[in-house]
């Protein structure tokens, strides 16, 4: 083999090797990339359901929303920051879904049933999206439901005016169209990311 042919052969071999390494790296990145941007909690043995009343006075269970992806957020209407911010993000998320918006149900479960009456919820919750529902129960059922969903909350002592805050954890918990708990979305996840994850859940059923 002449020197020129040897150099040409080495160049071709190097190109093939580099191409193979590049393909491997690309495939490896795609293989390791999670299917969702939220935390995938598929298969957990908690968050099985609830029995609550919505702000229109209707008894509600998770089964009422079968066929839809359901996003559940626990909070309270006097919350000064996290609750309105999270509900606003969730509302923006649903609007980003366009025609698929009707296949997603947002639910706000109050942790402060003493102050969050049906009237209060009916004014507060739909302000973020008209299809969202506020859910409430008595104190005992509220505590049991929060425990089932691994949600921490603790009311703080009231001030001299009788006002108080409620410390609580703030994930958005998402069920797929078959009523299975699938995703845990952190409240700072961008609406675009949440919308992509919800579309992925909706496509699962279509597939």
N, C-alpha and C. Protein backbone atom coordinates (compact mmCIF):
# COMPACT_ATOMS: atom_id res chain seq x y z
N UNK A 1 0.86 -1.20 0.00
CA UNK A 1 0.00 0.00 0.00
C UNK A 1 0.89 1.24 0.00
N UNK A 2 0.61 2.16 -0.94
CA UNK A 2 1.42 3.37 -1.03
C UNK A 2 1.11 4.28 0.13
N UNK A 3 2.02 5.26 0.31
CA UNK A 3 1.82 6.19 1.41
C UNK A 3 0.52 6.97 1.26
N UNK A 4 0.21 7.39 0.00
CA UNK A 4 -1.01 8.17 -0.22
C UNK A 4 -2.26 7.34 0.10
N UNK A 5 -2.24 6.07 -0.34
CA UNK A 5 -3.39 5.22 -0.06
C UNK A 5 -3.53 4.94 1.43
N UNK A 6 -2.39 4.79 2.09
CA UNK A 6 -2.43 4.55 3.53
C UNK A 6 -3.05 5.74 4.27
N UNK A 7 -2.66 6.95 3.86
CA UNK A 7 -3.22 8.15 4.49
C UNK A 7 -4.71 8.24 4.25
N UNK A 8 -5.14 7.94 3.00
CA UNK A 8 -6.56 7.98 2.67
C UNK A 8 -7.33 6.96 3.49
N UNK A 9 -6.75 5.77 3.64
CA UNK A 9 -7.41 4.73 4.43
C UNK A 9 -7.54 5.15 5.89
N UNK A 10 -6.50 5.76 6.44
CA UNK A 10 -6.54 6.20 7.83
C UNK A 10 -7.58 7.30 8.04
N UNK A 11 -7.68 8.20 7.06
CA UNK A 11 -8.69 9.27 7.16
C UNK A 11 -10.09 8.67 7.17
N UNK A 12 -10.34 7.72 6.25
CA UNK A 12 -11.66 7.08 6.20
C UNK A 12 -11.96 6.33 7.49
N UNK A 13 -10.96 5.60 7.98
CA UNK A 13 -11.15 4.85 9.22
C UNK A 13 -11.44 5.77 10.39
N UNK A 14 -10.69 6.88 10.45
CA UNK A 14 -10.90 7.84 11.53
C UNK A 14 -12.29 8.45 11.45
N UNK A 15 -12.75 8.75 10.23
CA UNK A 15 -14.08 9.32 10.05
C UNK A 15 -15.15 8.34 10.51
N UNK A 16 -14.97 7.07 10.18
CA UNK A 16 -15.94 6.07 10.60
C UNK A 16 -15.98 5.92 12.12
N UNK A 17 -14.79 5.93 12.72
CA UNK A 17 -14.72 5.79 14.18
C UNK A 17 -15.36 6.99 14.86
N UNK A 18 -15.05 8.20 14.37
CA UNK A 18 -15.63 9.40 14.96
C UNK A 18 -17.14 9.42 14.78
N UNK A 19 -17.59 8.98 13.60
CA UNK A 19 -19.04 8.93 13.35
C UNK A 19 -19.72 7.97 14.30
N UNK A 20 -19.09 6.81 14.51
CA UNK A 20 -19.66 5.83 15.42
C UNK A 20 -19.71 6.36 16.85
N UNK A 21 -18.63 7.03 17.27
CA UNK A 21 -18.60 7.59 18.62
C UNK A 21 -19.66 8.69 18.79
N UNK A 22 -19.83 9.52 17.77
CA UNK A 22 -20.84 10.58 17.83
C UNK A 22 -22.24 9.99 17.91
N UNK A 23 -22.49 8.97 17.11
CA UNK A 23 -23.81 8.33 17.14
C UNK A 23 -24.07 7.71 18.50
N UNK A 24 -23.04 7.07 19.05
CA UNK A 24 -23.19 6.47 20.37
C UNK A 24 -23.51 7.51 21.43
N UNK A 25 -22.80 8.66 21.35
CA UNK A 25 -23.03 9.72 22.33
C UNK A 25 -24.43 10.27 22.22
N UNK A 26 -24.90 10.48 20.97
CA UNK A 26 -26.24 11.03 20.76
C UNK A 26 -27.30 10.05 21.26
N UNK A 27 -27.14 8.78 20.88
CA UNK A 27 -28.11 7.78 21.33
C UNK A 27 -28.08 7.62 22.83
N UNK A 28 -26.91 7.73 23.42
CA UNK A 28 -26.79 7.61 24.86
C UNK A 28 -27.51 8.72 25.58
N UNK A 29 -27.39 9.95 25.03
CA UNK A 29 -28.07 11.08 25.66
C UNK A 29 -29.57 10.90 25.59
N UNK A 30 -30.08 10.46 24.43
CA UNK A 30 -31.52 10.26 24.28
C UNK A 30 -32.02 9.14 25.18
N UNK A 31 -31.19 8.09 25.32
CA UNK A 31 -31.62 6.96 26.14
C UNK A 31 -31.69 7.33 27.61
N UNK A 32 -30.75 8.24 28.05
CA UNK A 32 -30.73 8.59 29.45
C UNK A 32 -31.67 9.74 29.79
N UNK A 33 -32.18 10.43 28.76
CA UNK A 33 -33.08 11.55 29.01
C UNK A 33 -34.41 11.04 29.55
N UNK A 34 -34.89 11.59 30.67
CA UNK A 34 -36.16 11.12 31.23
C UNK A 34 -37.32 11.43 30.32
N UNK A 35 -38.37 10.61 30.41
CA UNK A 35 -39.55 10.83 29.57
C UNK A 35 -40.29 12.09 29.98
N UNK A 36 -40.18 12.48 31.24
CA UNK A 36 -40.88 13.66 31.74
C UNK A 36 -39.90 14.62 32.38
N UNK A 37 -40.25 15.90 32.36
CA UNK A 37 -39.44 16.89 33.07
C UNK A 37 -39.82 16.95 34.54
N UNK A 38 -41.04 16.57 34.87
CA UNK A 38 -41.44 16.43 36.27
C UNK A 38 -40.87 15.12 36.81
N UNK A 39 -41.04 14.90 38.11
CA UNK A 39 -40.56 13.67 38.73
C UNK A 39 -41.58 12.55 38.46
N UNK A 40 -41.11 11.50 37.83
CA UNK A 40 -41.98 10.35 37.52
C UNK A 40 -42.13 9.49 38.78
N UNK A 41 -43.34 9.43 39.31
CA UNK A 41 -43.60 8.64 40.52
C UNK A 41 -44.56 7.50 40.23
N UNK A 42 -44.58 7.06 39.00
CA UNK A 42 -45.45 5.96 38.60
C UNK A 42 -45.24 4.75 39.51
N UNK A 43 -46.34 4.20 40.02
CA UNK A 43 -46.26 2.99 40.82
C UNK A 43 -46.21 3.21 42.32
N UNK A 44 -46.24 4.46 42.79
CA UNK A 44 -46.23 4.67 44.24
C UNK A 44 -47.53 4.12 44.84
N UNK A 45 -47.45 3.75 46.12
CA UNK A 45 -48.61 3.12 46.76
C UNK A 45 -49.41 4.11 47.60
N UNK A 46 -49.36 5.38 47.25
CA UNK A 46 -50.13 6.41 47.95
C UNK A 46 -50.81 7.31 46.92
N UNK A 47 -51.63 8.24 47.39
CA UNK A 47 -52.36 9.11 46.47
C UNK A 47 -53.41 8.34 45.68
N UNK A 48 -54.11 7.42 46.35
CA UNK A 48 -55.06 6.57 45.64
C UNK A 48 -56.36 7.29 45.27
N UNK A 49 -56.69 8.35 46.01
CA UNK A 49 -57.94 9.04 45.68
C UNK A 49 -58.42 9.92 46.81
N UNK A 50 -59.63 10.43 46.67
CA UNK A 50 -60.20 11.34 47.66
C UNK A 50 -61.73 11.30 47.55
N UNK A 51 -62.37 11.77 48.62
CA UNK A 51 -63.82 11.98 48.63
C UNK A 51 -64.05 13.35 49.25
N UNK A 52 -64.30 14.34 48.39
CA UNK A 52 -64.40 15.72 48.82
C UNK A 52 -65.61 16.37 48.15
N UNK A 53 -65.84 17.63 48.45
CA UNK A 53 -66.93 18.39 47.85
C UNK A 53 -66.34 19.56 47.07
N UNK A 54 -66.85 19.80 45.85
CA UNK A 54 -66.32 20.93 45.09
C UNK A 54 -67.05 22.22 45.46
N UNK A 55 -66.56 23.34 44.93
CA UNK A 55 -67.11 24.63 45.35
C UNK A 55 -68.53 24.87 44.81
N UNK A 56 -69.02 23.96 43.98
CA UNK A 56 -70.39 24.03 43.50
C UNK A 56 -71.32 23.12 44.31
N UNK A 57 -70.76 22.46 45.32
CA UNK A 57 -71.57 21.62 46.20
C UNK A 57 -71.71 20.18 45.76
N UNK A 58 -70.93 19.75 44.78
CA UNK A 58 -71.02 18.38 44.27
C UNK A 58 -69.98 17.49 44.95
N UNK A 59 -70.39 16.31 45.38
CA UNK A 59 -69.44 15.34 45.92
C UNK A 59 -68.54 14.85 44.80
N UNK A 60 -67.25 14.79 45.09
CA UNK A 60 -66.29 14.45 44.04
C UNK A 60 -65.33 13.35 44.50
N UNK A 61 -65.03 12.44 43.56
CA UNK A 61 -63.96 11.47 43.73
C UNK A 61 -63.10 11.52 42.49
N UNK A 62 -61.96 10.87 42.56
CA UNK A 62 -61.06 10.86 41.41
C UNK A 62 -61.71 10.22 40.19
N UNK A 63 -62.59 9.25 40.42
CA UNK A 63 -63.24 8.54 39.31
C UNK A 63 -64.09 9.48 38.45
N UNK A 64 -64.54 10.60 39.01
CA UNK A 64 -65.35 11.55 38.24
C UNK A 64 -64.58 12.12 37.05
N UNK A 65 -63.25 12.06 37.11
CA UNK A 65 -62.44 12.72 36.09
C UNK A 65 -61.71 11.72 35.20
N UNK A 66 -62.15 10.48 35.20
CA UNK A 66 -61.51 9.47 34.36
C UNK A 66 -61.61 9.90 32.89
N UNK A 67 -60.53 9.71 32.16
CA UNK A 67 -60.47 10.18 30.78
C UNK A 67 -59.74 11.49 30.65
N UNK A 68 -59.45 12.13 31.79
CA UNK A 68 -58.70 13.37 31.79
C UNK A 68 -57.41 13.21 32.60
N UNK A 69 -56.41 13.98 32.26
CA UNK A 69 -55.26 14.13 33.14
C UNK A 69 -55.67 15.10 34.24
N UNK A 70 -55.36 14.76 35.48
CA UNK A 70 -55.81 15.56 36.62
C UNK A 70 -54.60 16.10 37.37
N UNK A 71 -54.57 17.42 37.55
CA UNK A 71 -53.49 18.07 38.29
C UNK A 71 -54.04 18.56 39.62
N UNK A 72 -53.50 18.05 40.72
CA UNK A 72 -54.00 18.34 42.06
C UNK A 72 -52.97 19.18 42.82
N UNK A 73 -53.47 20.27 43.41
CA UNK A 73 -52.59 21.12 44.22
C UNK A 73 -53.28 21.43 45.55
N UNK A 74 -52.55 21.27 46.65
CA UNK A 74 -53.06 21.56 47.98
C UNK A 74 -52.58 22.95 48.41
N UNK A 75 -53.48 23.73 49.01
CA UNK A 75 -53.08 25.05 49.48
C UNK A 75 -54.22 25.71 50.24
N UNK A 76 -54.20 27.04 50.30
CA UNK A 76 -55.28 27.76 50.96
C UNK A 76 -55.37 29.16 50.36
N UNK A 77 -56.55 29.75 50.40
CA UNK A 77 -56.78 30.98 49.65
C UNK A 77 -56.11 32.20 50.26
N UNK A 78 -55.77 32.15 51.56
CA UNK A 78 -55.08 33.27 52.19
C UNK A 78 -53.56 33.18 52.02
N UNK A 79 -53.11 32.19 51.31
CA UNK A 79 -51.67 32.00 51.07
C UNK A 79 -51.12 33.23 50.35
N UNK A 80 -50.03 33.81 50.87
CA UNK A 80 -49.54 35.07 50.30
C UNK A 80 -48.69 34.92 49.04
N UNK A 81 -48.16 33.75 48.78
CA UNK A 81 -47.21 33.66 47.66
C UNK A 81 -47.29 32.37 46.86
N UNK A 82 -46.94 31.24 47.45
CA UNK A 82 -46.80 30.02 46.67
C UNK A 82 -48.10 29.58 45.99
N UNK A 83 -49.21 29.65 46.71
CA UNK A 83 -50.47 29.16 46.14
C UNK A 83 -50.92 29.95 44.91
N UNK A 84 -51.03 31.28 45.00
CA UNK A 84 -51.44 32.00 43.79
C UNK A 84 -50.44 31.88 42.66
N UNK A 85 -49.16 31.83 42.99
CA UNK A 85 -48.15 31.68 41.94
C UNK A 85 -48.28 30.33 41.24
N UNK A 86 -48.45 29.28 42.02
CA UNK A 86 -48.56 27.94 41.45
C UNK A 86 -49.83 27.78 40.63
N UNK A 87 -50.95 28.28 41.15
CA UNK A 87 -52.20 28.19 40.40
C UNK A 87 -52.14 29.01 39.11
N UNK A 88 -51.46 30.14 39.16
CA UNK A 88 -51.30 30.94 37.94
C UNK A 88 -50.47 30.18 36.90
N UNK A 89 -49.41 29.51 37.34
CA UNK A 89 -48.59 28.70 36.42
C UNK A 89 -49.43 27.56 35.84
N UNK A 90 -50.23 26.94 36.69
CA UNK A 90 -51.05 25.83 36.22
C UNK A 90 -52.10 26.33 35.22
N UNK A 91 -52.68 27.49 35.48
CA UNK A 91 -53.62 28.06 34.54
C UNK A 91 -52.96 28.36 33.20
N UNK A 92 -51.76 28.94 33.24
CA UNK A 92 -51.02 29.22 32.00
C UNK A 92 -50.72 27.92 31.26
N UNK A 93 -50.40 26.87 32.03
CA UNK A 93 -50.10 25.57 31.43
C UNK A 93 -51.28 25.04 30.64
N UNK A 94 -52.45 25.07 31.25
CA UNK A 94 -53.65 24.56 30.58
C UNK A 94 -53.95 25.37 29.33
N UNK A 95 -53.77 26.68 29.39
CA UNK A 95 -54.02 27.50 28.20
C UNK A 95 -53.05 27.18 27.07
N UNK A 96 -51.84 26.77 27.41
CA UNK A 96 -50.87 26.39 26.39
C UNK A 96 -51.27 25.12 25.65
N UNK A 97 -52.14 24.33 26.23
CA UNK A 97 -52.51 23.05 25.64
C UNK A 97 -53.49 23.19 24.47
N UNK A 98 -54.06 24.36 24.29
CA UNK A 98 -54.97 24.56 23.17
C UNK A 98 -56.17 23.63 23.22
N UNK A 99 -56.37 22.87 22.15
CA UNK A 99 -57.52 21.97 22.07
C UNK A 99 -57.47 20.87 23.11
N UNK A 100 -56.29 20.55 23.61
CA UNK A 100 -56.18 19.50 24.64
C UNK A 100 -56.55 20.00 26.04
N UNK A 101 -56.79 21.29 26.19
CA UNK A 101 -57.09 21.85 27.51
C UNK A 101 -58.31 21.20 28.13
N UNK A 102 -59.28 20.84 27.32
CA UNK A 102 -60.52 20.24 27.85
C UNK A 102 -60.28 18.85 28.40
N UNK A 103 -59.11 18.27 28.14
CA UNK A 103 -58.80 16.93 28.62
C UNK A 103 -57.94 16.96 29.88
N UNK A 104 -57.80 18.15 30.48
CA UNK A 104 -57.03 18.31 31.71
C UNK A 104 -57.91 18.99 32.75
N UNK A 105 -57.90 18.45 33.97
CA UNK A 105 -58.68 19.03 35.06
C UNK A 105 -57.77 19.49 36.17
N UNK A 106 -57.85 20.77 36.53
CA UNK A 106 -57.10 21.29 37.66
C UNK A 106 -57.95 21.28 38.92
N UNK A 107 -57.39 20.78 40.01
CA UNK A 107 -58.11 20.70 41.29
C UNK A 107 -57.27 21.36 42.38
N UNK A 108 -57.94 22.23 43.15
CA UNK A 108 -57.30 22.89 44.28
C UNK A 108 -57.97 22.38 45.55
N UNK A 109 -57.20 21.68 46.39
CA UNK A 109 -57.74 21.12 47.64
C UNK A 109 -57.29 22.02 48.79
N UNK A 110 -58.26 22.62 49.48
CA UNK A 110 -57.90 23.54 50.54
C UNK A 110 -57.42 22.80 51.79
N UNK A 111 -56.41 23.38 52.42
CA UNK A 111 -55.90 22.90 53.70
C UNK A 111 -56.41 23.76 54.84
N UNK A 112 -57.31 24.68 54.53
CA UNK A 112 -57.83 25.63 55.51
C UNK A 112 -59.35 25.71 55.39
N UNK A 113 -60.06 24.60 55.65
CA UNK A 113 -61.51 24.60 55.45
C UNK A 113 -62.27 25.57 56.36
N UNK A 114 -61.64 25.99 57.44
CA UNK A 114 -62.30 26.94 58.34
C UNK A 114 -62.59 28.26 57.63
N UNK A 115 -61.63 28.75 56.86
CA UNK A 115 -61.81 30.02 56.16
C UNK A 115 -62.22 29.83 54.70
N UNK A 116 -61.82 28.72 54.10
CA UNK A 116 -62.09 28.50 52.67
C UNK A 116 -63.45 27.84 52.48
N UNK A 117 -64.47 28.65 52.62
CA UNK A 117 -65.83 28.18 52.42
C UNK A 117 -66.10 27.97 50.93
N UNK A 118 -67.19 27.31 50.57
CA UNK A 118 -67.52 27.16 49.15
C UNK A 118 -67.59 28.51 48.42
N UNK A 119 -68.13 29.52 49.11
CA UNK A 119 -68.23 30.84 48.48
C UNK A 119 -66.85 31.43 48.18
N UNK A 120 -65.95 31.29 49.15
CA UNK A 120 -64.58 31.80 48.96
C UNK A 120 -63.89 31.05 47.83
N UNK A 121 -64.00 29.73 47.84
CA UNK A 121 -63.37 28.92 46.80
C UNK A 121 -63.94 29.23 45.42
N UNK A 122 -65.24 29.47 45.35
CA UNK A 122 -65.88 29.72 44.06
C UNK A 122 -65.42 31.03 43.44
N UNK A 123 -64.95 31.95 44.26
CA UNK A 123 -64.43 33.21 43.74
C UNK A 123 -62.93 33.12 43.45
N UNK A 124 -62.23 32.35 44.26
CA UNK A 124 -60.77 32.29 44.18
C UNK A 124 -60.27 31.37 43.07
N UNK A 125 -60.73 30.13 43.07
CA UNK A 125 -60.14 29.11 42.19
C UNK A 125 -60.38 29.38 40.70
N UNK A 126 -61.61 29.64 40.26
CA UNK A 126 -61.83 29.85 38.83
C UNK A 126 -61.15 31.11 38.28
N UNK A 127 -60.68 31.98 39.15
CA UNK A 127 -59.97 33.17 38.69
C UNK A 127 -58.68 32.79 37.97
N UNK A 128 -58.12 31.62 38.29
CA UNK A 128 -56.88 31.18 37.64
C UNK A 128 -57.16 30.43 36.34
N UNK A 129 -58.27 29.74 36.29
CA UNK A 129 -58.77 29.12 35.06
C UNK A 129 -60.23 28.74 35.31
N UNK A 130 -61.12 29.08 34.40
CA UNK A 130 -62.55 28.86 34.65
C UNK A 130 -62.94 27.41 34.85
N UNK A 131 -62.12 26.46 34.39
CA UNK A 131 -62.46 25.05 34.54
C UNK A 131 -61.94 24.45 35.84
N UNK A 132 -61.10 25.19 36.57
CA UNK A 132 -60.54 24.65 37.81
C UNK A 132 -61.64 24.54 38.87
N UNK A 133 -61.48 23.54 39.73
CA UNK A 133 -62.43 23.32 40.82
C UNK A 133 -61.71 23.39 42.16
N UNK A 134 -62.37 24.03 43.12
CA UNK A 134 -61.89 24.02 44.49
C UNK A 134 -62.59 22.92 45.27
N UNK A 135 -61.84 22.16 46.04
CA UNK A 135 -62.38 21.04 46.82
C UNK A 135 -62.14 21.28 48.31
N UNK A 136 -63.11 20.86 49.12
CA UNK A 136 -62.99 21.06 50.56
C UNK A 136 -63.66 19.91 51.31
N UNK A 137 -63.37 19.86 52.60
CA UNK A 137 -63.98 18.86 53.49
C UNK A 137 -63.86 19.38 54.91
N UNK A 138 -64.32 18.60 55.87
CA UNK A 138 -64.12 18.98 57.26
C UNK A 138 -62.65 18.78 57.63
N UNK A 139 -62.29 19.25 58.82
CA UNK A 139 -60.88 19.23 59.21
C UNK A 139 -60.31 17.81 59.24
N UNK A 140 -61.11 16.86 59.72
CA UNK A 140 -60.62 15.47 59.82
C UNK A 140 -60.38 14.87 58.44
N UNK A 141 -61.32 15.06 57.54
CA UNK A 141 -61.16 14.51 56.19
C UNK A 141 -60.03 15.20 55.46
N UNK A 142 -59.87 16.50 55.68
CA UNK A 142 -58.77 17.25 55.08
C UNK A 142 -57.43 16.67 55.52
N UNK A 143 -57.30 16.40 56.81
CA UNK A 143 -56.05 15.84 57.33
C UNK A 143 -55.80 14.45 56.75
N UNK A 144 -56.84 13.65 56.65
CA UNK A 144 -56.69 12.30 56.10
C UNK A 144 -56.29 12.34 54.63
N UNK A 145 -56.90 13.26 53.88
CA UNK A 145 -56.58 13.37 52.46
C UNK A 145 -55.16 13.85 52.25
N UNK A 146 -54.74 14.85 53.02
CA UNK A 146 -53.37 15.35 52.91
C UNK A 146 -52.36 14.24 53.23
N UNK A 147 -52.66 13.46 54.25
CA UNK A 147 -51.77 12.35 54.61
C UNK A 147 -51.68 11.33 53.48
N UNK A 148 -52.81 11.04 52.83
CA UNK A 148 -52.83 10.08 51.73
C UNK A 148 -51.96 10.55 50.57
N UNK A 149 -51.88 11.86 50.40
CA UNK A 149 -51.10 12.42 49.30
C UNK A 149 -49.71 12.89 49.72
N UNK A 150 -49.31 12.55 50.93
CA UNK A 150 -47.98 12.90 51.44
C UNK A 150 -47.76 14.42 51.47
N UNK A 151 -48.81 15.15 51.75
CA UNK A 151 -48.72 16.61 51.82
C UNK A 151 -48.64 17.03 53.29
N UNK A 152 -47.59 17.78 53.62
CA UNK A 152 -47.41 18.30 54.97
C UNK A 152 -48.10 19.66 55.10
N UNK A 153 -48.77 19.90 56.22
CA UNK A 153 -49.27 21.24 56.49
C UNK A 153 -49.43 21.45 57.99
N UNK A 154 -49.31 22.70 58.40
CA UNK A 154 -49.41 23.05 59.81
C UNK A 154 -49.85 24.50 59.93
N UNK A 155 -51.02 24.73 60.51
CA UNK A 155 -51.48 26.09 60.75
C UNK A 155 -50.65 26.73 61.86
N UNK A 156 -50.27 27.98 61.66
CA UNK A 156 -49.48 28.71 62.64
C UNK A 156 -50.39 29.49 63.59
N UNK A 157 -49.90 29.85 64.77
CA UNK A 157 -50.73 30.60 65.71
C UNK A 157 -51.24 31.91 65.09
N UNK A 158 -52.46 32.26 65.43
CA UNK A 158 -53.05 33.48 64.89
C UNK A 158 -52.45 34.72 65.56
N UNK A 159 -52.42 35.82 64.81
CA UNK A 159 -51.96 37.08 65.40
C UNK A 159 -53.10 37.75 66.15
N UNK A 160 -52.88 38.97 66.62
CA UNK A 160 -53.89 39.66 67.43
C UNK A 160 -55.17 39.94 66.64
N UNK A 161 -55.04 40.03 65.33
CA UNK A 161 -56.22 40.27 64.48
C UNK A 161 -56.94 38.97 64.10
N UNK A 162 -56.39 37.84 64.54
CA UNK A 162 -57.00 36.56 64.23
C UNK A 162 -56.55 35.96 62.90
N UNK A 163 -55.61 36.61 62.25
CA UNK A 163 -55.11 36.10 60.97
C UNK A 163 -53.98 35.09 61.21
N UNK A 164 -53.90 34.11 60.36
CA UNK A 164 -52.86 33.09 60.51
C UNK A 164 -52.45 32.56 59.13
N UNK A 165 -51.29 31.97 59.08
CA UNK A 165 -50.80 31.34 57.87
C UNK A 165 -50.78 29.83 58.07
N UNK A 166 -50.65 29.12 56.97
CA UNK A 166 -50.56 27.65 57.00
C UNK A 166 -49.31 27.23 56.25
N UNK A 167 -48.35 26.69 56.96
CA UNK A 167 -47.16 26.15 56.31
C UNK A 167 -47.54 24.85 55.61
N UNK A 168 -47.09 24.67 54.38
CA UNK A 168 -47.44 23.44 53.68
C UNK A 168 -46.47 23.17 52.54
N UNK A 169 -46.37 21.91 52.17
CA UNK A 169 -45.59 21.54 51.00
C UNK A 169 -46.41 21.86 49.75
N UNK A 170 -45.73 21.99 48.60
CA UNK A 170 -46.45 22.53 47.46
C UNK A 170 -46.28 21.86 46.13
N UNK A 171 -46.21 20.53 46.04
CA UNK A 171 -46.11 19.92 44.71
C UNK A 171 -47.45 19.89 43.99
N UNK A 172 -47.39 19.83 42.68
CA UNK A 172 -48.57 19.52 41.88
C UNK A 172 -48.50 18.03 41.57
N UNK A 173 -49.53 17.30 41.93
CA UNK A 173 -49.58 15.85 41.71
C UNK A 173 -50.47 15.58 40.51
N UNK A 174 -49.97 14.81 39.57
CA UNK A 174 -50.67 14.62 38.30
C UNK A 174 -51.05 13.16 38.09
N UNK A 175 -52.33 12.95 37.80
CA UNK A 175 -52.85 11.63 37.47
C UNK A 175 -53.03 11.51 35.96
N UNK A 176 -52.84 10.31 35.44
CA UNK A 176 -53.08 10.11 34.01
C UNK A 176 -54.56 9.89 33.75
N UNK A 177 -54.91 9.64 32.51
CA UNK A 177 -56.33 9.54 32.13
C UNK A 177 -57.01 8.30 32.70
N UNK A 178 -56.23 7.37 33.24
CA UNK A 178 -56.81 6.18 33.86
C UNK A 178 -56.87 6.29 35.39
N UNK A 179 -56.56 7.47 35.92
CA UNK A 179 -56.64 7.67 37.35
C UNK A 179 -55.45 7.17 38.13
N UNK A 180 -54.30 7.01 37.47
CA UNK A 180 -53.09 6.55 38.16
C UNK A 180 -52.17 7.73 38.44
N UNK A 181 -51.67 7.82 39.67
CA UNK A 181 -50.75 8.89 40.03
C UNK A 181 -49.43 8.67 39.31
N UNK A 182 -49.00 9.68 38.53
CA UNK A 182 -47.84 9.50 37.67
C UNK A 182 -46.70 10.50 37.90
N UNK A 183 -47.05 11.76 38.15
CA UNK A 183 -46.01 12.79 38.17
C UNK A 183 -46.11 13.67 39.40
N UNK A 184 -44.95 14.13 39.85
CA UNK A 184 -44.86 15.15 40.89
C UNK A 184 -44.16 16.35 40.27
N UNK A 185 -44.91 17.43 40.12
CA UNK A 185 -44.36 18.64 39.52
C UNK A 185 -44.01 19.64 40.60
N UNK A 186 -42.78 20.12 40.61
CA UNK A 186 -42.40 21.16 41.55
C UNK A 186 -43.06 22.47 41.14
N UNK A 187 -43.43 23.30 42.11
CA UNK A 187 -44.18 24.51 41.78
C UNK A 187 -43.43 25.50 40.90
N UNK A 188 -42.09 25.38 40.82
CA UNK A 188 -41.34 26.31 39.98
C UNK A 188 -41.10 25.78 38.56
N UNK A 189 -41.69 24.64 38.23
CA UNK A 189 -41.56 24.11 36.88
C UNK A 189 -42.27 25.05 35.91
N UNK A 190 -41.64 25.35 34.79
CA UNK A 190 -42.21 26.31 33.84
C UNK A 190 -43.47 25.76 33.18
N UNK A 191 -44.44 26.61 32.86
CA UNK A 191 -45.66 26.14 32.20
C UNK A 191 -45.38 25.37 30.91
N UNK A 192 -44.37 25.77 30.16
CA UNK A 192 -44.05 25.06 28.92
C UNK A 192 -43.64 23.61 29.20
N UNK A 193 -42.89 23.43 30.29
CA UNK A 193 -42.47 22.08 30.67
C UNK A 193 -43.65 21.25 31.17
N UNK A 194 -44.51 21.87 31.97
CA UNK A 194 -45.68 21.17 32.47
C UNK A 194 -46.60 20.78 31.31
N UNK A 195 -46.75 21.67 30.35
CA UNK A 195 -47.61 21.39 29.20
C UNK A 195 -47.08 20.21 28.40
N UNK A 196 -45.76 20.15 28.22
CA UNK A 196 -45.17 19.01 27.48
C UNK A 196 -45.45 17.69 28.20
N UNK A 197 -45.29 17.71 29.52
CA UNK A 197 -45.54 16.48 30.29
C UNK A 197 -47.01 16.06 30.21
N UNK A 198 -47.90 17.02 30.30
CA UNK A 198 -49.32 16.69 30.21
C UNK A 198 -49.68 16.15 28.83
N UNK A 199 -49.11 16.72 27.80
CA UNK A 199 -49.35 16.20 26.45
C UNK A 199 -48.86 14.76 26.33
N UNK A 200 -47.72 14.49 26.96
CA UNK A 200 -47.19 13.12 26.92
C UNK A 200 -48.16 12.14 27.57
N UNK A 201 -48.75 12.52 28.69
CA UNK A 201 -49.74 11.65 29.34
C UNK A 201 -50.97 11.46 28.46
N UNK A 202 -51.42 12.52 27.83
CA UNK A 202 -52.59 12.42 26.96
C UNK A 202 -52.31 11.56 25.74
N UNK A 203 -51.10 11.63 25.23
CA UNK A 203 -50.74 10.81 24.06
C UNK A 203 -50.66 9.34 24.41
N UNK A 204 -50.34 9.01 25.67
CA UNK A 204 -50.29 7.60 26.07
C UNK A 204 -51.61 6.91 25.79
N UNK A 205 -52.69 7.58 26.12
CA UNK A 205 -54.00 6.97 25.90
C UNK A 205 -54.30 6.87 24.41
N UNK A 206 -53.91 7.93 23.68
CA UNK A 206 -54.18 7.92 22.24
C UNK A 206 -53.41 6.81 21.56
N UNK A 207 -52.23 6.46 22.15
CA UNK A 207 -51.43 5.40 21.56
C UNK A 207 -51.90 4.05 21.99
